[in-house]
Amino acid sequence: MTKADIITRIYEKIGFSKKDATDVVEATFDIIKGCLENAEKVKISGFGNFVVNTKRPRKGRNPQTGDEIIIVGRKVLTFKASQILKKSLNTMSPPPPSVSSPSSPPAE
């Protein structure tokens, strides 16, 4: 799903004009982005949590040469789905058909 798809669905479901739906989506993402840039946690009830974690610099190796290098520290964004979202994902659709293993006999 793209940002344009979200805008279209808001337009269809709520009845906002496309411009108003675009403004709402853009403002929402700008607010979330701003909070994450300030290292604030973003908790969306029933959906999940976005958290910015800081990785420290660490030693690593160049796989081609074997030389030891320092991997610089950086910030990483993590998302953890809420229990409500996890539950809805696991109850909405039936499980995929099982794949038979090569050792099992073919079904006739």
PDB file of N, CA and C in Angstrom:
ATOM      1  N   MET A   1       0.845  -1.174   0.000  1.00  0.00           N
ATOM      2  CA  MET A   1       0.000   0.000   0.000  1.00  0.00           C
ATOM      3  C   MET A   1       0.889   1.236   0.000  1.00  0.00           C
ATOM      4  N   THR A   2       0.541   2.191  -0.815  1.00  0.00           N
ATOM      5  CA  THR A   2       1.309   3.426  -0.912  1.00  0.00           C
ATOM      6  C   THR A   2       0.564   4.563  -0.233  1.00  0.00           C
ATOM      7  N   LYS A   3       1.246   5.692  -0.101  1.00  0.00           N
ATOM      8  CA  LYS A   3       0.613   6.869   0.482  1.00  0.00           C
ATOM      9  C   LYS A   3      -0.602   7.281  -0.362  1.00  0.00           C
ATOM     10  N   ALA A   4      -0.488   7.165  -1.680  1.00  0.00           N
ATOM     11  CA  ALA A   4      -1.603   7.500  -2.571  1.00  0.00           C
ATOM     12  C   ALA A   4      -2.796   6.579  -2.331  1.00  0.00           C
ATOM     13  N   ASP A   5      -2.526   5.296  -2.042  1.00  0.00           N
ATOM     14  CA  ASP A   5      -3.611   4.356  -1.730  1.00  0.00           C
ATOM     15  C   ASP A   5      -4.323   4.747  -0.441  1.00  0.00           C
ATOM     16  N   ILE A   6      -3.550   5.171   0.557  1.00  0.00           N
ATOM     17  CA  ILE A   6      -4.155   5.605   1.823  1.00  0.00           C
ATOM     18  C   ILE A   6      -5.046   6.814   1.589  1.00  0.00           C
ATOM     19  N   ILE A   7      -4.562   7.767   0.814  1.00  0.00           N
ATOM     20  CA  ILE A   7      -5.344   8.976   0.497  1.00  0.00           C
ATOM     21  C   ILE A   7      -6.633   8.598  -0.204  1.00  0.00           C
ATOM     22  N   THR A   8      -6.559   7.703  -1.173  1.00  0.00           N
ATOM     23  CA  THR A   8      -7.751   7.277  -1.913  1.00  0.00           C
ATOM     24  C   THR A   8      -8.752   6.594  -0.991  1.00  0.00           C
ATOM     25  N   ARG A   9      -8.284   5.753  -0.096  1.00  0.00           N
ATOM     26  CA  ARG A   9      -9.199   5.056   0.819  1.00  0.00           C
ATOM     27  C   ARG A   9      -9.869   6.014   1.790  1.00  0.00           C
ATOM     28  N   ILE A  10      -9.127   7.025   2.264  1.00  0.00           N
ATOM     29  CA  ILE A  10      -9.740   8.037   3.137  1.00  0.00           C
ATOM     30  C   ILE A  10     -10.783   8.818   2.353  1.00  0.00           C
ATOM     31  N   TYR A  11     -10.462   9.174   1.126  1.00  0.00           N
ATOM     32  CA  TYR A  11     -11.392   9.886   0.249  1.00  0.00           C
ATOM     33  C   TYR A  11     -12.677   9.080   0.073  1.00  0.00           C
ATOM     34  N   GLU A  12     -12.550   7.773  -0.178  1.00  0.00           N
ATOM     35  CA  GLU A  12     -13.718   6.933  -0.418  1.00  0.00           C
ATOM     36  C   GLU A  12     -14.504   6.647   0.864  1.00  0.00           C
ATOM     37  N   LYS A  13     -13.814   6.404   1.955  1.00  0.00           N
ATOM     38  CA  LYS A  13     -14.468   5.976   3.187  1.00  0.00           C
ATOM     39  C   LYS A  13     -15.093   7.130   3.966  1.00  0.00           C
ATOM     40  N   ILE A  14     -14.387   8.254   4.064  1.00  0.00           N
ATOM     41  CA  ILE A  14     -14.858   9.353   4.900  1.00  0.00           C
ATOM     42  C   ILE A  14     -15.582  10.419   4.086  1.00  0.00           C
ATOM     43  N   GLY A  15     -15.225  10.547   2.826  1.00  0.00           N
ATOM     44  CA  GLY A  15     -15.896  11.526   1.985  1.00  0.00           C
ATOM     45  C   GLY A  15     -15.198  12.871   1.925  1.00  0.00           C
ATOM     46  N   PHE A  16     -13.980  12.953   2.475  1.00  0.00           N
ATOM     47  CA  PHE A  16     -13.203  14.179   2.325  1.00  0.00           C
ATOM     48  C   PHE A  16     -12.888  14.360   0.842  1.00  0.00           C
ATOM     49  N   SER A  17     -12.584  15.605   0.467  1.00  0.00           N
ATOM     50  CA  SER A  17     -12.089  15.806  -0.891  1.00  0.00           C
ATOM     51  C   SER A  17     -10.686  15.191  -0.953  1.00  0.00           C
ATOM     52  N   LYS A  18     -10.212  14.939  -2.155  1.00  0.00           N
ATOM     53  CA  LYS A  18      -8.870  14.350  -2.289  1.00  0.00           C
ATOM     54  C   LYS A  18      -7.817  15.276  -1.688  1.00  0.00           C
ATOM     55  N   LYS A  19      -8.009  16.587  -1.846  1.00  0.00           N
ATOM     56  CA  LYS A  19      -7.057  17.546  -1.280  1.00  0.00           C
ATOM     57  C   LYS A  19      -7.069  17.472   0.238  1.00  0.00           C
ATOM     58  N   ASP A  20      -8.257  17.409   0.847  1.00  0.00           N
ATOM     59  CA  ASP A  20      -8.348  17.317   2.310  1.00  0.00           C
ATOM     60  C   ASP A  20      -7.750  16.002   2.807  1.00  0.00           C
ATOM     61  N   ALA A  21      -8.016  14.909   2.103  1.00  0.00           N
ATOM     62  CA  ALA A  21      -7.468  13.611   2.488  1.00  0.00           C
ATOM     63  C   ALA A  21      -5.943  13.642   2.391  1.00  0.00           C
ATOM     64  N   THR A  22      -5.430  14.272   1.346  1.00  0.00           N
ATOM     65  CA  THR A  22      -3.982  14.399   1.185  1.00  0.00           C
ATOM     66  C   THR A  22      -3.392  15.209   2.329  1.00  0.00           C
ATOM     67  N   ASP A  23      -4.044  16.313   2.682  1.00  0.00           N
ATOM     68  CA  ASP A  23      -3.557  17.163   3.771  1.00  0.00           C
ATOM     69  C   ASP A  23      -3.533  16.401   5.101  1.00  0.00           C
ATOM     70  N   VAL A  24      -4.561  15.604   5.363  1.00  0.00           N
ATOM     71  CA  VAL A  24      -4.624  14.827   6.609  1.00  0.00           C
ATOM     72  C   VAL A  24      -3.498  13.803   6.660  1.00  0.00           C
ATOM     73  N   VAL A  25      -3.301  13.069   5.574  1.00  0.00           N
ATOM     74  CA  VAL A  25      -2.256  12.039   5.537  1.00  0.00           C
ATOM     75  C   VAL A  25      -0.876  12.682   5.661  1.00  0.00           C
ATOM     76  N   GLU A  26      -0.625  13.741   4.916  1.00  0.00           N
ATOM     77  CA  GLU A  26       0.670  14.419   4.976  1.00  0.00           C
ATOM     78  C   GLU A  26       0.934  14.960   6.376  1.00  0.00           C
ATOM     79  N   ALA A  27      -0.072  15.595   6.994  1.00  0.00           N
ATOM     80  CA  ALA A  27       0.100  16.144   8.345  1.00  0.00           C
ATOM     81  C   ALA A  27       0.369  15.037   9.356  1.00  0.00           C
ATOM     82  N   THR A  28      -0.336  13.921   9.225  1.00  0.00           N
ATOM     83  CA  THR A  28      -0.138  12.791  10.139  1.00  0.00           C
ATOM     84  C   THR A  28       1.289  12.266  10.030  1.00  0.00           C
ATOM     85  N   PHE A  29       1.759  12.039   8.822  1.00  0.00           N
ATOM     86  CA  PHE A  29       3.110  11.526   8.642  1.00  0.00           C
ATOM     87  C   PHE A  29       4.162  12.538   9.083  1.00  0.00           C
ATOM     88  N   ASP A  30       3.909  13.827   8.862  1.00  0.00           N
ATOM     89  CA  ASP A  30       4.854  14.858   9.302  1.00  0.00           C
ATOM     90  C   ASP A  30       4.969  14.870  10.828  1.00  0.00           C
ATOM     91  N   ILE A  31       3.841  14.717  11.521  1.00  0.00           N
ATOM     92  CA  ILE A  31       3.851  14.693  12.985  1.00  0.00           C
ATOM     93  C   ILE A  31       4.618  13.473  13.491  1.00  0.00           C
ATOM     94  N   ILE A  32       4.339  12.303  12.912  1.00  0.00           N
ATOM     95  CA  ILE A  32       5.032  11.082  13.320  1.00  0.00           C
ATOM     96  C   ILE A  32       6.530  11.212  13.050  1.00  0.00           C
ATOM     97  N   LYS A  33       6.880  11.694  11.863  1.00  0.00           N
ATOM     98  CA  LYS A  33       8.294  11.864  11.503  1.00  0.00           C
ATOM     99  C   LYS A  33       8.994  12.824  12.462  1.00  0.00           C
ATOM    100  N   GLY A  34       8.350  13.930  12.792  1.00  0.00           N
ATOM    101  CA  GLY A  34       8.932  14.908  13.714  1.00  0.00           C
ATOM    102  C   GLY A  34       9.181  14.314  15.091  1.00  0.00           C
ATOM    103  N   CYS A  35       8.234  13.538  15.580  1.00  0.00           N
ATOM    104  CA  CYS A  35       8.406  12.892  16.887  1.00  0.00           C
ATOM    105  C   CYS A  35       9.568  11.914  16.855  1.00  0.00           C
ATOM    106  N   LEU A  36       9.662  11.118  15.807  1.00  0.00           N
ATOM    107  CA  LEU A  36      10.747  10.140  15.703  1.00  0.00           C
ATOM    108  C   LEU A  36      12.103  10.834  15.570  1.00  0.00           C
ATOM    109  N   GLU A  37      12.162  11.959  14.850  1.00  0.00           N
ATOM    110  CA  GLU A  37      13.411  12.706  14.716  1.00  0.00           C
ATOM    111  C   GLU A  37      13.879  13.243  16.059  1.00  0.00           C
ATOM    112  N   ASN A  38      12.928  13.518  16.967  1.00  0.00           N
ATOM    113  CA  ASN A  38      13.254  13.996  18.311  1.00  0.00           C
ATOM    114  C   ASN A  38      13.413  12.842  19.301  1.00  0.00           C
ATOM    115  N   ALA A  39      13.540  11.621  18.777  1.00  0.00           N
ATOM    116  CA  ALA A  39      13.731  10.407  19.574  1.00  0.00           C
ATOM    117  C   ALA A  39      12.564  10.135  20.525  1.00  0.00           C
ATOM    118  N   GLU A  40      11.365  10.590  20.170  1.00  0.00           N
ATOM    119  CA  GLU A  40      10.173  10.296  20.961  1.00  0.00           C
ATOM    120  C   GLU A  40       9.573   8.980  20.472  1.00  0.00           C
ATOM    121  N   LYS A  41       8.986   8.239  21.387  1.00  0.00           N
ATOM    122  CA  LYS A  41       8.272   7.021  21.003  1.00  0.00           C
ATOM    123  C   LYS A  41       6.921   7.418  20.420  1.00  0.00           C
ATOM    124  N   VAL A  42       6.488   6.685  19.406  1.00  0.00           N
ATOM    125  CA  VAL A  42       5.167   6.916  18.823  1.00  0.00           C
ATOM    126  C   VAL A  42       4.347   5.657  19.074  1.00  0.00           C
ATOM    127  N   LYS A  43       3.294   5.803  19.897  1.00  0.00           N
ATOM    128  CA  LYS A  43       2.432   4.674  20.244  1.00  0.00           C
ATOM    129  C   LYS A  43       1.064   4.914  19.635  1.00  0.00           C
ATOM    130  N   ILE A  44       0.644   4.000  18.787  1.00  0.00           N
ATOM    131  CA  ILE A  44      -0.674   4.098  18.164  1.00  0.00           C
ATOM    132  C   ILE A  44      -1.496   2.936  18.702  1.00  0.00           C
ATOM    133  N   SER A  45      -2.471   3.265  19.538  1.00  0.00           N
ATOM    134  CA  SER A  45      -3.270   2.251  20.219  1.00  0.00           C
ATOM    135  C   SER A  45      -3.923   1.312  19.213  1.00  0.00           C
ATOM    136  N   GLY A  46      -3.801   0.024  19.463  1.00  0.00           N
ATOM    137  CA  GLY A  46      -4.390  -0.979  18.590  1.00  0.00           C
ATOM    138  C   GLY A  46      -3.580  -1.253  17.336  1.00  0.00           C
ATOM    139  N   PHE A  47      -2.463  -0.543  17.162  1.00  0.00           N
ATOM    140  CA  PHE A  47      -1.629  -0.728  15.970  1.00  0.00           C
ATOM    141  C   PHE A  47      -0.216  -1.155  16.356  1.00  0.00           C
ATOM    142  N   GLY A  48       0.494  -0.294  17.112  1.00  0.00           N
ATOM    143  CA  GLY A  48       1.832  -0.663  17.531  1.00  0.00           C
ATOM    144  C   GLY A  48       2.656   0.530  17.949  1.00  0.00           C
ATOM    145  N   ASN A  49       3.942   0.270  18.201  1.00  0.00           N
ATOM    146  CA  ASN A  49       4.876   1.288  18.668  1.00  0.00           C
ATOM    147  C   ASN A  49       6.036   1.439  17.699  1.00  0.00           C
ATOM    148  N   PHE A  50       6.397   2.692  17.436  1.00  0.00           N
ATOM    149  CA  PHE A  50       7.595   3.016  16.673  1.00  0.00           C
ATOM    150  C   PHE A  50       8.598   3.592  17.662  1.00  0.00           C
ATOM    151  N   VAL A  51       9.822   3.071  17.660  1.00  0.00           N
ATOM    152  CA  VAL A  51      10.846   3.521  18.594  1.00  0.00           C
ATOM    153  C   VAL A  51      12.161   3.697  17.837  1.00  0.00           C
ATOM    154  N   VAL A  52      12.873   4.784  18.147  1.00  0.00           N
ATOM    155  CA  VAL A  52      14.195   5.015  17.578  1.00  0.00           C
ATOM    156  C   VAL A  52      15.229   4.518  18.589  1.00  0.00           C
ATOM    157  N   ASN A  53      16.057   3.583  18.185  1.00  0.00           N
ATOM    158  CA  ASN A  53      17.127   3.063  19.021  1.00  0.00           C
ATOM    159  C   ASN A  53      18.462   3.535  18.457  1.00  0.00           C
ATOM    160  N   THR A  54      19.440   3.720  19.332  1.00  0.00           N
ATOM    161  CA  THR A  54      20.767   4.143  18.910  1.00  0.00           C
ATOM    162  C   THR A  54      21.717   2.963  19.006  1.00  0.00           C
ATOM    163  N   LYS A  55      22.368   2.652  17.906  1.00  0.00           N
ATOM    164  CA  LYS A  55      23.385   1.598  17.890  1.00  0.00           C
ATOM    165  C   LYS A  55      24.745   2.254  18.118  1.00  0.00           C
ATOM    166  N   ARG A  56      25.531   1.672  18.990  1.00  0.00           N
ATOM    167  CA  ARG A  56      26.867   2.196  19.265  1.00  0.00           C
ATOM    168  C   ARG A  56      27.843   1.746  18.181  1.00  0.00           C
ATOM    169  N   PRO A  57      28.945   2.490  18.042  1.00  0.00           N
ATOM    170  CA  PRO A  57      29.981   2.035  17.100  1.00  0.00           C
ATOM    171  C   PRO A  57      30.510   0.668  17.553  1.00  0.00           C
ATOM    172  N   ARG A  58      30.916  -0.151  16.592  1.00  0.00           N
ATOM    173  CA  ARG A  58      31.417  -1.482  16.941  1.00  0.00           C
ATOM    174  C   ARG A  58      32.470  -1.918  15.939  1.00  0.00           C
ATOM    175  N   LYS A  59      33.219  -2.929  16.328  1.00  0.00           N
ATOM    176  CA  LYS A  59      34.251  -3.471  15.440  1.00  0.00           C
ATOM    177  C   LYS A  59      33.607  -4.457  14.475  1.00  0.00           C
ATOM    178  N   GLY A  60      34.107  -4.462  13.265  1.00  0.00           N
ATOM    179  CA  GLY A  60      33.640  -5.400  12.261  1.00  0.00           C
ATOM    180  C   GLY A  60      34.795  -5.793  11.366  1.00  0.00           C
ATOM    181  N   ARG A  61      34.503  -6.619  10.389  1.00  0.00           N
ATOM    182  CA  ARG A  61      35.545  -7.046   9.444  1.00  0.00           C
ATOM    183  C   ARG A  61      35.042  -6.852   8.021  1.00  0.00           C
ATOM    184  N   ASN A  62      35.949  -6.411   7.172  1.00  0.00           N
ATOM    185  CA  ASN A  62      35.658  -6.326   5.750  1.00  0.00           C
ATOM    186  C   ASN A  62      35.673  -7.766   5.232  1.00  0.00           C
ATOM    187  N   PRO A  63      34.546  -8.274   4.689  1.00  0.00           N
ATOM    188  CA  PRO A  63      34.506  -9.670   4.270  1.00  0.00           C
ATOM    189  C   PRO A  63      35.445 -10.000   3.102  1.00  0.00           C
ATOM    190  N   GLN A  64      35.806  -9.005   2.298  1.00  0.00           N
ATOM    191  CA  GLN A  64      36.679  -9.269   1.154  1.00  0.00           C
ATOM    192  C   GLN A  64      38.153  -9.346   1.559  1.00  0.00           C
ATOM    193  N   THR A  65      38.549  -8.424   2.441  1.00  0.00           N
ATOM    194  CA  THR A  65      39.967  -8.365   2.798  1.00  0.00           C
ATOM    195  C   THR A  65      40.277  -8.943   4.167  1.00  0.00           C
ATOM    196  N   GLY A  66      39.272  -9.045   5.031  1.00  0.00           N
ATOM    197  CA  GLY A  66      39.486  -9.529   6.391  1.00  0.00           C
ATOM    198  C   GLY A  66      40.001  -8.452   7.320  1.00  0.00           C
ATOM    199  N   ASP A  67      40.185  -7.225   6.811  1.00  0.00           N
ATOM    200  CA  ASP A  67      40.664  -6.120   7.634  1.00  0.00           C
ATOM    201  C   ASP A  67      39.608  -5.730   8.661  1.00  0.00           C
ATOM    202  N   GLU A  68      40.083  -5.379   9.854  1.00  0.00           N
ATOM    203  CA  GLU A  68      39.176  -4.931  10.902  1.00  0.00           C
ATOM    204  C   GLU A  68      38.799  -3.476  10.638  1.00  0.00           C
ATOM    205  N   ILE A  69      37.525  -3.161  10.776  1.00  0.00           N
ATOM    206  CA  ILE A  69      37.034  -1.798  10.565  1.00  0.00           C
ATOM    207  C   ILE A  69      36.127  -1.414  11.730  1.00  0.00           C
ATOM    208  N   ILE A  70      35.876  -0.134  11.870  1.00  0.00           N
ATOM    209  CA  ILE A  70      34.933   0.349  12.868  1.00  0.00           C
ATOM    210  C   ILE A  70      33.637   0.708  12.149  1.00  0.00           C
ATOM    211  N   ILE A  71      32.555   0.082  12.582  1.00  0.00           N
ATOM    212  CA  ILE A  71      31.237   0.385  12.028  1.00  0.00           C
ATOM    213  C   ILE A  71      30.670   1.521  12.867  1.00  0.00           C
ATOM    214  N   VAL A  72      30.362   2.628  12.201  1.00  0.00           N
ATOM    215  CA  VAL A  72      29.910   3.819  12.922  1.00  0.00           C
ATOM    216  C   VAL A  72      28.547   3.579  13.570  1.00  0.00           C
ATOM    217  N   GLY A  73      28.301   4.287  14.669  1.00  0.00           N
ATOM    218  CA  GLY A  73      27.010   4.223  15.335  1.00  0.00           C
ATOM    219  C   GLY A  73      25.942   4.874  14.478  1.00  0.00           C
ATOM    220  N   ARG A  74      24.714   4.468  14.687  1.00  0.00           N
ATOM    221  CA  ARG A  74      23.622   5.042  13.896  1.00  0.00           C
ATOM    222  C   ARG A  74      22.315   4.867  14.642  1.00  0.00           C
ATOM    223  N   LYS A  75      21.298   5.521  14.145  1.00  0.00           N
ATOM    224  CA  LYS A  75      19.963   5.369  14.711  1.00  0.00           C
ATOM    225  C   LYS A  75      19.166   4.423  13.824  1.00  0.00           C
ATOM    226  N   VAL A  76      18.387   3.560  14.450  1.00  0.00           N
ATOM    227  CA  VAL A  76      17.545   2.633  13.701  1.00  0.00           C
ATOM    228  C   VAL A  76      16.119   2.744  14.213  1.00  0.00           C
ATOM    229  N   LEU A  77      15.182   2.613  13.315  1.00  0.00           N
ATOM    230  CA  LEU A  77      13.766   2.670  13.653  1.00  0.00           C
ATOM    231  C   LEU A  77      13.242   1.251  13.784  1.00  0.00           C
ATOM    232  N   THR A  78      12.547   0.988  14.889  1.00  0.00           N
ATOM    233  CA  THR A  78      11.946  -0.327  15.071  1.00  0.00           C
ATOM    234  C   THR A  78      10.448  -0.159  15.249  1.00  0.00           C
ATOM    235  N   PHE A  79       9.720  -1.182  14.841  1.00  0.00           N
ATOM    236  CA  PHE A  79       8.267  -1.208  15.007  1.00  0.00           C
ATOM    237  C   PHE A  79       7.894  -2.496  15.697  1.00  0.00           C
ATOM    238  N   LYS A  80       7.046  -2.393  16.697  1.00  0.00           N
ATOM    239  CA  LYS A  80       6.539  -3.575  17.364  1.00  0.00           C
ATOM    240  C   LYS A  80       5.017  -3.508  17.304  1.00  0.00           C
ATOM    241  N   ALA A  81       4.429  -4.499  16.677  1.00  0.00           N
ATOM    242  CA  ALA A  81       2.973  -4.532  16.520  1.00  0.00           C
ATOM    243  C   ALA A  81       2.300  -4.774  17.867  1.00  0.00           C
ATOM    244  N   SER A  82       1.124  -4.175  18.051  1.00  0.00           N
ATOM    245  CA  SER A  82       0.360  -4.383  19.277  1.00  0.00           C
ATOM    246  C   SER A  82      -0.250  -5.782  19.282  1.00  0.00           C
ATOM    247  N   GLN A  83      -0.643  -6.236  20.460  1.00  0.00           N
ATOM    248  CA  GLN A  83      -1.280  -7.543  20.576  1.00  0.00           C
ATOM    249  C   GLN A  83      -2.588  -7.578  19.782  1.00  0.00           C
ATOM    250  N   ILE A  84      -3.303  -6.461  19.743  1.00  0.00           N
ATOM    251  CA  ILE A  84      -4.570  -6.385  18.994  1.00  0.00           C
ATOM    252  C   ILE A  84      -4.309  -6.592  17.508  1.00  0.00           C
ATOM    253  N   LEU A  85      -3.277  -5.930  16.967  1.00  0.00           N
ATOM    254  CA  LEU A  85      -2.945  -6.083  15.552  1.00  0.00           C
ATOM    255  C   LEU A  85      -2.490  -7.508  15.259  1.00  0.00           C
ATOM    256  N   LYS A  86      -1.637  -8.060  16.123  1.00  0.00           N
ATOM    257  CA  LYS A  86      -1.170  -9.429  15.922  1.00  0.00           C
ATOM    258  C   LYS A  86      -2.348 -10.406  15.898  1.00  0.00           C
ATOM    259  N   LYS A  87      -3.275 -10.205  16.823  1.00  0.00           N
ATOM    260  CA  LYS A  87      -4.433 -11.103  16.896  1.00  0.00           C
ATOM    261  C   LYS A  87      -5.288 -10.992  15.639  1.00  0.00           C
ATOM    262  N   SER A  88      -5.514  -9.755  15.173  1.00  0.00           N
ATOM    263  CA  SER A  88      -6.352  -9.590  13.977  1.00  0.00           C
ATOM    264  C   SER A  88      -5.668 -10.155  12.742  1.00  0.00           C
ATOM    265  N   LEU A  89      -4.346 -10.071  12.674  1.00  0.00           N
ATOM    266  CA  LEU A  89      -3.629 -10.641  11.531  1.00  0.00           C
ATOM    267  C   LEU A  89      -3.754 -12.161  11.499  1.00  0.00           C
ATOM    268  N   ASN A  90      -3.792 -12.764  12.671  1.00  0.00           N
ATOM    269  CA  ASN A  90      -3.838 -14.214  12.747  1.00  0.00           C
ATOM    270  C   ASN A  90      -5.241 -14.786  12.705  1.00  0.00           C
ATOM    271  N   THR A  91      -6.272 -13.959  12.773  1.00  0.00           N
ATOM    272  CA  THR A  91      -7.636 -14.475  12.703  1.00  0.00           C
ATOM    273  C   THR A  91      -8.359 -14.058  11.428  1.00  0.00           C
ATOM    274  N   MET A  92      -7.791 -13.125  10.664  1.00  0.00           N
ATOM    275  CA  MET A  92      -8.471 -12.617   9.474  1.00  0.00           C
ATOM    276  C   MET A  92      -8.484 -13.612   8.327  1.00  0.00           C
ATOM    277  N   SER A  93      -7.364 -14.246   8.060  1.00  0.00           N
ATOM    278  CA  SER A  93      -7.292 -15.102   6.881  1.00  0.00           C
ATOM    279  C   SER A  93      -6.898 -16.516   7.289  1.00  0.00           C
ATOM    280  N   PRO A  94      -7.358 -17.495   6.520  1.00  0.00           N
ATOM    281  CA  PRO A  94      -6.976 -18.868   6.832  1.00  0.00           C
ATOM    282  C   PRO A  94      -5.485 -19.060   6.570  1.00  0.00           C
ATOM    283  N   PRO A  95      -4.871 -20.019   7.251  1.00  0.00           N
ATOM    284  CA  PRO A  95      -3.442 -20.249   7.026  1.00  0.00           C
ATOM    285  C   PRO A  95      -3.184 -20.691   5.592  1.00  0.00           C
ATOM    286  N   PRO A  96      -1.984 -20.415   5.070  1.00  0.00           N
ATOM    287  CA  PRO A  96      -1.675 -20.827   3.699  1.00  0.00           C
ATOM    288  C   PRO A  96      -1.676 -22.344   3.605  1.00  0.00           C
ATOM    289  N   PRO A  97      -1.952 -22.874   2.406  1.00  0.00           N
ATOM    290  CA  PRO A  97      -1.953 -24.337   2.270  1.00  0.00           C
ATOM    291  C   PRO A  97      -0.577 -24.890   2.614  1.00  0.00           C
ATOM    292  N   SER A  98      -0.587 -26.051   3.259  1.00  0.00           N
ATOM    293  CA  SER A  98       0.699 -26.635   3.660  1.00  0.00           C
ATOM    294  C   SER A  98       1.441 -27.135   2.430  1.00  0.00           C
ATOM    295  N   VAL A  99       2.742 -26.993   2.484  1.00  0.00           N
ATOM    296  CA  VAL A  99       3.595 -27.441   1.393  1.00  0.00           C
ATOM    297  C   VAL A  99       4.081 -28.835   1.749  1.00  0.00           C
ATOM    298  N   SER A 100       3.892 -29.761   0.835  1.00  0.00           N
ATOM    299  CA  SER A 100       4.325 -31.126   1.120  1.00  0.00           C
ATOM    300  C   SER A 100       5.843 -31.200   1.016  1.00  0.00           C
ATOM    301  N   SER A 101       6.429 -31.940   1.908  1.00  0.00           N
ATOM    302  CA  SER A 101       7.883 -32.089   1.905  1.00  0.00           C
ATOM    303  C   SER A 101       8.268 -33.147   0.879  1.00  0.00           C
ATOM    304  N   PRO A 102       9.493 -33.098   0.388  1.00  0.00           N
ATOM    305  CA  PRO A 102       9.928 -34.063  -0.640  1.00  0.00           C
ATOM    306  C   PRO A 102       9.883 -35.500  -0.128  1.00  0.00           C
ATOM    307  N   SER A 103       9.964 -35.713   1.177  1.00  0.00           N
ATOM    308  CA  SER A 103       9.981 -37.077   1.706  1.00  0.00           C
ATOM    309  C   SER A 103       8.582 -37.668   1.825  1.00  0.00           C
ATOM    310  N   SER A 104       7.535 -36.832   1.751  1.00  0.00           N
ATOM    311  CA  SER A 104       6.184 -37.372   1.868  1.00  0.00           C
ATOM    312  C   SER A 104       5.727 -37.934   0.528  1.00  0.00           C
ATOM    313  N   PRO A 105       4.911 -38.989   0.563  1.00  0.00           N
ATOM    314  CA  PRO A 105       4.445 -39.573  -0.692  1.00  0.00           C
ATOM    315  C   PRO A 105       3.464 -38.625  -1.391  1.00  0.00           C
ATOM    316  N   PRO A 106       3.417 -38.643  -2.704  1.00  0.00           N
ATOM    317  CA  PRO A 106       2.489 -37.770  -3.439  1.00  0.00           C
ATOM    318  C   PRO A 106       1.041 -38.168  -3.170  1.00  0.00           C
ATOM    319  N   ALA A 107       0.169 -37.169  -3.103  1.00  0.00           N
ATOM    320  CA  ALA A 107      -1.255 -37.439  -2.889  1.00  0.00           C
ATOM    321  C   ALA A 107      -1.889 -37.926  -4.159  1.00  0.00           C
ATOM    322  N   GLU A 108      -2.758 -38.914  -4.055  1.00  0.00           N
ATOM    323  CA  GLU A 108      -3.408 -39.452  -5.252  1.00  0.00           C
ATOM    324  C   GLU A 108      -4.887 -39.279  -5.190  1.00  0.00           C
TER     325      GLU A 108
END
